[in-house]
Structure formats: structure tokens, C-alpha cells
Amino acid sequence: MDRNTDTVIIGNPNSGRAGSKNYLERYAKVLRAGGREIEVLNTEYPNHATDLASLAGDRLVVAAGGDGTVNEVINGLSEGATLGILPLGTANVLARELGLPQDFKRSCERILEGNSSRIDLGVATDRDGVERRFACMAGLGFDASVVRTMTPRLKRYLRILAFPLMAVKVLMEQDIPSVHVIEGDTTYVTQFAIIANGHYYGGDFRVAGPGSLTSGELEAILVERVSVLLRPDILARILARNPLNRSMRSFGATELRANAPGANVPVQLDGEIWGRLPMSFRIEPQALQVIR
């Protein structure tokens, strides 16, 4: 890694719109013309972006890819690093949260402007004490089963429509076990839970209201019966991009736990499968400096 550069682009050449290393070099060329000293590093295997980000030091580290690439990068960043995003994925949830443009030219301009602020991160801890950060959300149960069923080919061709289509498939074909979400001495029993740091979910669908990313707490949204998502009033809220937490039970917390007695329930973080319950979750306030 070249320590003489001030900016590192870490990209997944197979993510969404990226397509090739040359595509990432197009971004680098524009940023260099704007005065940045750029090094482009392509990921070659799962979690490679985490390894590369951990070597970048206190520089501007630009994640070029989808939410999975962004998640890998934030799990390797030093405390003094700044995160930039070139959104090349399917949903680009964190980019939407930050109000970042989705097109080539304006996303580069935002990086060059360099306006930044600090945001909160969520932290998940598995049964072995291993921690992983997440920027936007953790999904417990149903949606993690959908993510696990999704194929890269389906995401590439159907893009944002892939998730609702696979959700119906999972709902029809798989058992949905109960999830226990525990805050202090209170246990909530539900079929599906979202632990949200941001308010967007799966693209531009909203699960929480404004003020996320800097609220200092996580928001737990509980879906007691997954089939309720297909109710006309709830489906209308989803299609209208209105927050689900006005229709579902929800609460804020700085930390909570979740388990699924007798069941193998997967967990997804920022759209990527990461382990299974039991797991605990906490907020890490003002943990990350980001370009926005």
C-alpha cells in the first residue's frame, strides 16, 4: 500500500454497477483531476476490504461498491480515518441515508468537496464474543433468510425488486420461528426483528423516522407475524416509503439481546449474512467520520 497517497479507493469489481477494475479507475481519474492522490485497491475474497481498510491508517478511505463492501470497510477503519462512498451496489442504503448522489459525476464531486460529520454505528456480538459493526441495520430471522436465499445473479438482474420477490418465496416455503428480543428485564416475542441504526431499509423503504445515524440509540422494529407485511395497509406503507415503525411495535435502546430457543435463526448485517442467534447489539455513538 502506497503511504504517499491521501486517498484509498477499495472496490469490489463484481459489485452491482462496478463491472471491472477499469470502472473504478474512471472514478480515480476524476478524483485525481480534482487534486486527490489516489490508490485503487480491488478486493479479491470475502472480507478482503476489511483487511485493506485496516492498513490504510488515518486517511480518506473510499468504499466503491454496495452495502456489503461498505460494511467490510467500516470494520477495518482506524479511529482517525474518514469514510467516503462511491455507491455501486443494488440498494446503497448507507449512501441514501447520507443523501449521497447515485450518479458517477456527482458522487465524485461529493468526495472532492470533503464535507464530513460523525455518525453512530451499531455493533453486533455473537455467542463467541466476536464483534462486527453495522452502519444501517441488523435483520433477525425472516429477512436474513431472504438474504441467504438470494443469488448474485438475481440481485444483478432484478436489483431492488429481488428482495420482495424472494421474501414471498421464503414466506411460502419456509417455517418462520419465533425470535426473542430482550431489553433489560423485558422480553418481546416476534417472528422478525429489525435492529435499525438508520431509517432506510433494503433501498429506499423506511423502517424508522428521521434523526437516525446520530440519535445515540438503536431502534428495534418488531414484526409479530411476517404475513402481516402483505396486509393492504402495511403493504401500502411499504410502497409509499413510509416508516414501518408507525405500524409495528418499536422501541429505542442503547443495547439489547436476541435469541431463538430451539431454532437456527440467521442474522444479516447491512444486507450480508453474519452468523445466527443468540447475539447482542449495542450502539457506538459518533464512531465514524463520513463524507456526506
Protein backbone atom coordinates (compact mmCIF):
# COMPACT_ATOMS: atom_id res chain seq x y z
CA MET A 1 0.00 0.00 0.00
CA ASP A 2 1.33 3.42 -1.05
CA ARG A 3 1.60 5.65 2.06
CA ASN A 4 2.24 8.74 -0.09
CA THR A 5 -1.39 8.85 -1.25
CA ASP A 6 -4.04 10.74 0.73
CA THR A 7 -6.99 8.66 -0.51
CA VAL A 8 -7.54 4.92 -0.90
CA ILE A 9 -10.35 3.51 -3.05
CA ILE A 10 -11.32 0.00 -2.02
CA GLY A 11 -13.59 -1.60 -4.58
CA ASN A 12 -15.37 -4.82 -5.33
CA PRO A 13 -15.09 -5.23 -9.11
CA ASN A 14 -18.04 -7.66 -9.05
CA SER A 15 -20.45 -5.38 -7.15
CA GLY A 16 -23.59 -4.11 -8.87
CA ARG A 17 -22.59 -1.43 -11.38
CA ALA A 18 -18.83 -1.72 -10.93
CA GLY A 19 -18.24 -4.42 -13.51
CA SER A 20 -14.44 -4.16 -13.80
CA LYS A 21 -11.27 -2.65 -12.42
CA ASN A 22 -11.34 -0.11 -15.27
CA TYR A 23 -14.65 1.20 -13.96
CA LEU A 24 -13.02 2.02 -10.62
CA GLU A 25 -10.12 3.66 -12.42
CA ARG A 26 -12.62 6.04 -14.05
CA TYR A 27 -13.54 7.30 -10.58
CA ALA A 28 -9.88 7.53 -9.61
CA LYS A 29 -9.10 9.59 -12.71
CA VAL A 30 -11.82 12.15 -11.87
CA LEU A 31 -10.68 12.38 -8.23
CA ARG A 32 -7.05 12.79 -9.27
CA ALA A 33 -8.07 15.63 -11.59
CA GLY A 34 -9.69 17.23 -8.55
CA GLY A 35 -6.44 17.16 -6.60
CA ARG A 36 -6.60 13.87 -4.69
CA GLU A 37 -3.68 11.43 -4.56
CA ILE A 38 -5.42 8.13 -5.24
CA GLU A 39 -4.57 4.47 -4.81
CA VAL A 40 -7.08 1.89 -6.09
CA LEU A 41 -7.24 -1.48 -4.34
CA ASN A 42 -9.54 -4.24 -5.61
CA THR A 43 -10.95 -6.88 -3.29
CA GLU A 44 -10.24 -10.49 -4.15
CA TYR A 45 -12.07 -12.52 -1.48
CA PRO A 46 -14.70 -12.11 1.27
CA ASN A 47 -13.66 -9.59 3.96
CA HIS A 48 -10.62 -8.53 1.93
CA ALA A 49 -11.93 -4.95 2.13
CA THR A 50 -11.66 -5.15 5.93
CA ASP A 51 -8.03 -6.22 5.68
CA LEU A 52 -7.23 -3.45 3.18
CA ALA A 53 -9.00 -0.77 5.23
CA SER A 54 -7.07 -1.78 8.35
CA LEU A 55 -3.83 -0.93 6.53
CA ALA A 56 -5.00 2.48 5.31
CA GLY A 57 -4.33 4.39 8.53
CA ASP A 58 -5.89 7.82 9.16
CA ARG A 59 -6.64 8.59 5.53
CA LEU A 60 -9.76 9.05 3.41
CA VAL A 61 -10.92 5.54 2.56
CA VAL A 62 -13.49 5.37 -0.22
CA ALA A 63 -15.66 2.24 -0.38
CA ALA A 64 -16.60 1.68 -4.02
CA GLY A 65 -19.32 -0.93 -4.14
CA GLY A 66 -22.52 -1.93 -2.43
CA ASP A 67 -23.53 -2.09 1.22
CA GLY A 68 -21.55 -5.29 1.72
CA THR A 69 -18.35 -3.58 0.62
CA VAL A 70 -19.13 -0.57 2.83
CA ASN A 71 -19.70 -2.88 5.80
CA GLU A 72 -16.38 -4.65 5.23
CA VAL A 73 -14.57 -1.31 5.03
CA ILE A 74 -16.06 0.15 8.24
CA ASN A 75 -14.97 -2.98 10.08
CA GLY A 76 -11.34 -2.27 9.21
CA LEU A 77 -11.12 1.52 9.56
CA SER A 78 -8.92 3.18 12.17
CA GLU A 79 -10.48 5.69 14.56
CA GLY A 80 -8.90 8.60 12.66
CA ALA A 81 -9.93 7.50 9.16
CA THR A 82 -12.73 9.10 7.14
CA LEU A 83 -15.15 7.03 5.04
CA GLY A 84 -16.22 8.08 1.56
CA ILE A 85 -18.70 6.12 -0.55
CA LEU A 86 -18.98 5.60 -4.30
CA PRO A 87 -22.32 3.74 -4.45
CA LEU A 88 -22.07 0.91 -6.98
CA GLY A 89 -24.36 -1.67 -5.40
CA THR A 90 -28.01 -2.62 -5.61
CA ALA A 91 -29.56 -0.87 -2.62
CA ASN A 92 -26.80 1.52 -1.43
CA VAL A 93 -28.60 2.02 1.88
CA LEU A 94 -25.92 4.00 3.73
CA ALA A 95 -25.38 6.25 0.71
CA ARG A 96 -29.11 7.01 0.73
CA GLU A 97 -29.01 7.66 4.47
CA LEU A 98 -26.26 10.23 3.92
CA GLY A 99 -28.03 11.85 0.97
CA LEU A 100 -25.24 10.93 -1.42
CA PRO A 101 -25.88 11.11 -5.17
CA GLN A 102 -26.05 7.84 -7.08
CA ASP A 103 -24.56 9.01 -10.38
CA PHE A 104 -20.92 8.95 -11.47
CA LYS A 105 -20.09 12.67 -11.72
CA ARG A 106 -21.92 13.98 -8.65
CA SER A 107 -20.68 11.19 -6.39
CA CYS A 108 -17.10 12.15 -7.29
CA GLU A 109 -17.87 15.82 -6.69
CA ARG A 110 -19.15 14.99 -3.20
CA ILE A 111 -15.89 13.21 -2.38
CA LEU A 112 -13.90 16.21 -3.59
CA GLU A 113 -15.99 18.67 -1.56
CA GLY A 114 -14.95 16.74 1.53
CA ASN A 115 -17.76 17.84 3.87
CA SER A 116 -17.88 15.38 6.73
CA SER A 117 -19.56 14.61 10.03
CA ARG A 118 -19.62 11.80 12.57
CA ILE A 119 -22.33 9.11 12.73
CA ASP A 120 -23.21 6.28 15.10
CA LEU A 121 -22.54 2.64 14.33
CA GLY A 122 -24.22 -0.49 15.61
CA VAL A 123 -22.13 -3.34 17.00
CA ALA A 124 -23.24 -6.98 16.98
CA THR A 125 -21.57 -9.54 19.25
CA ASP A 126 -22.04 -13.25 18.60
CA ARG A 127 -22.09 -16.16 21.04
CA ASP A 128 -18.28 -16.44 20.88
CA GLY A 129 -17.74 -12.77 21.73
CA VAL A 130 -16.77 -11.82 18.15
CA GLU A 131 -17.88 -8.27 17.27
CA ARG A 132 -18.88 -6.75 13.94
CA ARG A 133 -20.00 -3.20 13.20
CA PHE A 134 -23.01 -2.34 11.06
CA ALA A 135 -23.94 1.04 9.63
CA CYS A 136 -27.64 0.69 8.87
CA MET A 137 -29.36 -2.38 10.23
CA ALA A 138 -29.33 -5.90 11.59
CA GLY A 139 -32.12 -8.22 10.46
CA LEU A 140 -33.06 -11.15 12.69
CA GLY A 141 -34.81 -14.14 11.19
CA PHE A 142 -37.05 -13.64 8.18
CA ASP A 143 -35.10 -11.09 6.16
CA ALA A 144 -31.80 -12.85 6.90
CA SER A 145 -33.39 -16.00 5.44
CA VAL A 146 -34.28 -13.96 2.36
CA VAL A 147 -30.71 -12.63 2.08
CA ARG A 148 -29.36 -16.16 2.48
CA THR A 149 -31.62 -17.37 -0.35
CA MET A 150 -30.75 -14.50 -2.72
CA THR A 151 -28.28 -15.16 -5.54
CA PRO A 152 -25.90 -12.56 -7.02
CA ARG A 153 -27.48 -13.20 -10.44
CA LEU A 154 -30.96 -12.41 -9.12
CA LYS A 155 -29.74 -9.20 -7.47
CA ARG A 156 -27.94 -8.14 -10.62
CA TYR A 157 -30.94 -8.58 -12.93
CA LEU A 158 -33.86 -7.66 -10.66
CA ARG A 159 -31.99 -5.15 -8.46
CA ILE A 160 -34.32 -3.61 -5.85
CA LEU A 161 -37.22 -5.92 -6.83
CA ALA A 162 -35.24 -9.03 -5.92
CA PHE A 163 -35.86 -8.65 -2.18
CA PRO A 164 -39.71 -8.52 -2.17
CA LEU A 165 -39.90 -11.36 -4.68
CA MET A 166 -37.64 -13.61 -2.62
CA ALA A 167 -39.47 -12.54 0.55
CA VAL A 168 -42.71 -14.00 -0.81
CA LYS A 169 -40.86 -17.20 -1.76
CA VAL A 170 -39.38 -17.59 1.74
CA LEU A 171 -42.73 -16.80 3.36
CA MET A 172 -44.46 -19.50 1.32
CA GLU A 173 -41.79 -22.20 1.59
CA GLN A 174 -40.05 -21.87 4.97
CA ASP A 175 -41.06 -22.04 8.61
CA ILE A 176 -40.59 -18.74 10.43
CA PRO A 177 -39.53 -19.45 14.05
CA SER A 178 -40.04 -17.02 16.91
CA VAL A 179 -37.33 -14.54 17.88
CA HIS A 180 -36.93 -13.26 21.44
CA VAL A 181 -35.70 -9.65 21.65
CA ILE A 182 -34.60 -8.73 25.19
CA GLU A 183 -34.16 -5.23 26.57
CA GLY A 184 -33.25 -5.21 30.24
CA ASP A 185 -35.85 -7.36 32.03
CA THR A 186 -38.38 -7.22 29.18
CA THR A 187 -38.63 -9.93 26.52
CA TYR A 188 -40.52 -9.36 23.26
CA VAL A 189 -41.53 -12.40 21.21
CA THR A 190 -41.76 -11.78 17.48
CA GLN A 191 -41.25 -13.53 14.14
CA PHE A 192 -38.96 -10.93 12.63
CA ALA A 193 -36.99 -8.01 14.05
CA ILE A 194 -35.01 -5.16 12.52
CA ILE A 195 -32.40 -3.50 14.72
CA ALA A 196 -32.02 -0.18 12.93
CA ASN A 197 -29.27 2.41 13.17
CA GLY A 198 -30.56 4.22 10.07
CA HIS A 199 -34.08 4.73 8.80
CA TYR A 200 -33.79 3.22 5.31
CA TYR A 201 -34.06 -0.50 4.69
CA GLY A 202 -33.41 -2.55 1.56
CA GLY A 203 -33.06 0.57 -0.60
CA ASP A 204 -35.48 3.44 -0.04
CA PHE A 205 -38.05 1.62 2.10
CA ARG A 206 -38.23 3.24 5.52
CA VAL A 207 -38.42 1.46 8.86
CA ALA A 208 -37.80 4.40 11.18
CA GLY A 209 -38.24 8.15 11.26
CA PRO A 210 -35.68 10.91 10.73
CA GLY A 211 -32.79 11.55 13.10
CA SER A 212 -31.22 8.11 12.75
CA LEU A 213 -27.43 7.63 12.43
CA THR A 214 -26.91 10.34 15.07
CA SER A 215 -29.63 9.53 17.62
CA GLY A 216 -27.35 7.71 20.06
CA GLU A 217 -29.56 4.62 20.14
CA LEU A 218 -30.75 1.72 18.05
CA GLU A 219 -34.40 1.25 17.15
CA ALA A 220 -35.94 -2.21 17.31
CA ILE A 221 -38.88 -2.76 14.95
CA LEU A 222 -40.84 -5.94 15.71
CA VAL A 223 -42.98 -7.81 13.18
CA GLU A 224 -45.01 -10.24 15.24
CA ARG A 225 -46.33 -12.10 12.19
CA VAL A 226 -44.38 -11.95 8.94
CA SER A 227 -47.59 -12.45 6.94
CA VAL A 228 -48.76 -9.05 8.21
CA LEU A 229 -46.33 -7.45 5.76
CA LEU A 230 -48.74 -8.44 2.99
CA ARG A 231 -51.73 -6.75 4.64
CA PRO A 232 -53.04 -3.96 2.37
CA ASP A 233 -52.47 -1.20 4.94
CA ILE A 234 -48.92 -2.33 5.73
CA LEU A 235 -48.07 -3.02 2.09
CA ALA A 236 -49.32 0.46 1.23
CA ARG A 237 -46.93 1.94 3.79
CA ILE A 238 -44.04 -0.02 2.30
CA LEU A 239 -44.86 1.04 -1.25
CA ALA A 240 -45.29 4.67 -0.12
CA ARG A 241 -41.86 4.51 1.58
CA ASN A 242 -43.42 5.46 4.93
CA PRO A 243 -41.78 4.28 8.18
CA LEU A 244 -42.88 0.83 9.28
CA ASN A 245 -42.39 1.71 12.94
CA ARG A 246 -45.68 3.62 12.86
CA SER A 247 -47.44 0.36 12.06
CA MET A 248 -45.32 -2.09 14.06
CA ARG A 249 -44.28 -2.21 17.68
CA SER A 250 -40.92 -0.47 18.12
CA PHE A 251 -38.68 0.92 20.82
CA GLY A 252 -35.31 2.62 21.18
CA ALA A 253 -32.41 1.10 23.11
CA THR A 254 -28.68 1.55 23.52
CA GLU A 255 -28.21 -2.21 23.90
CA LEU A 256 -30.28 -5.37 23.65
CA ARG A 257 -30.04 -9.11 23.18
CA ALA A 258 -31.82 -11.62 20.96
CA ASN A 259 -32.15 -15.38 20.88
CA ALA A 260 -34.32 -18.06 19.30
CA PRO A 261 -34.72 -21.01 21.68
CA GLY A 262 -34.53 -24.33 19.83
CA ALA A 263 -34.22 -22.77 16.37
CA ASN A 264 -31.43 -21.92 13.93
CA VAL A 265 -32.16 -18.26 13.12
CA PRO A 266 -29.75 -16.33 10.86
CA VAL A 267 -28.74 -12.68 11.22
CA GLN A 268 -27.86 -10.24 8.45
CA LEU A 269 -25.85 -7.06 8.94
CA ASP A 270 -26.16 -4.37 6.24
CA GLY A 271 -27.53 -6.94 3.82
CA GLU A 272 -24.91 -9.67 4.37
CA ILE A 273 -25.34 -12.85 6.43
CA TRP A 274 -23.32 -12.78 9.64
CA GLY A 275 -23.88 -15.69 12.00
CA ARG A 276 -27.00 -16.70 13.86
CA LEU A 277 -28.73 -16.10 17.17
CA PRO A 278 -28.07 -15.71 20.06
CA MET A 279 -26.48 -12.30 19.59
CA SER A 280 -26.30 -8.96 21.38
CA PHE A 281 -26.41 -5.46 19.91
CA ARG A 282 -25.25 -2.06 21.12
CA ILE A 283 -24.80 1.46 19.79
CA GLU A 284 -21.37 3.03 19.35
CA PRO A 285 -22.11 6.78 19.31
CA GLN A 286 -20.24 9.10 16.95
CA ALA A 287 -17.99 6.24 15.93
CA LEU A 288 -17.35 7.05 12.27
CA GLN A 289 -16.32 10.14 10.30
CA VAL A 290 -18.06 10.13 6.90
CA ILE A 291 -18.18 12.29 3.77
CA ARG A 292 -21.74 13.41 3.16
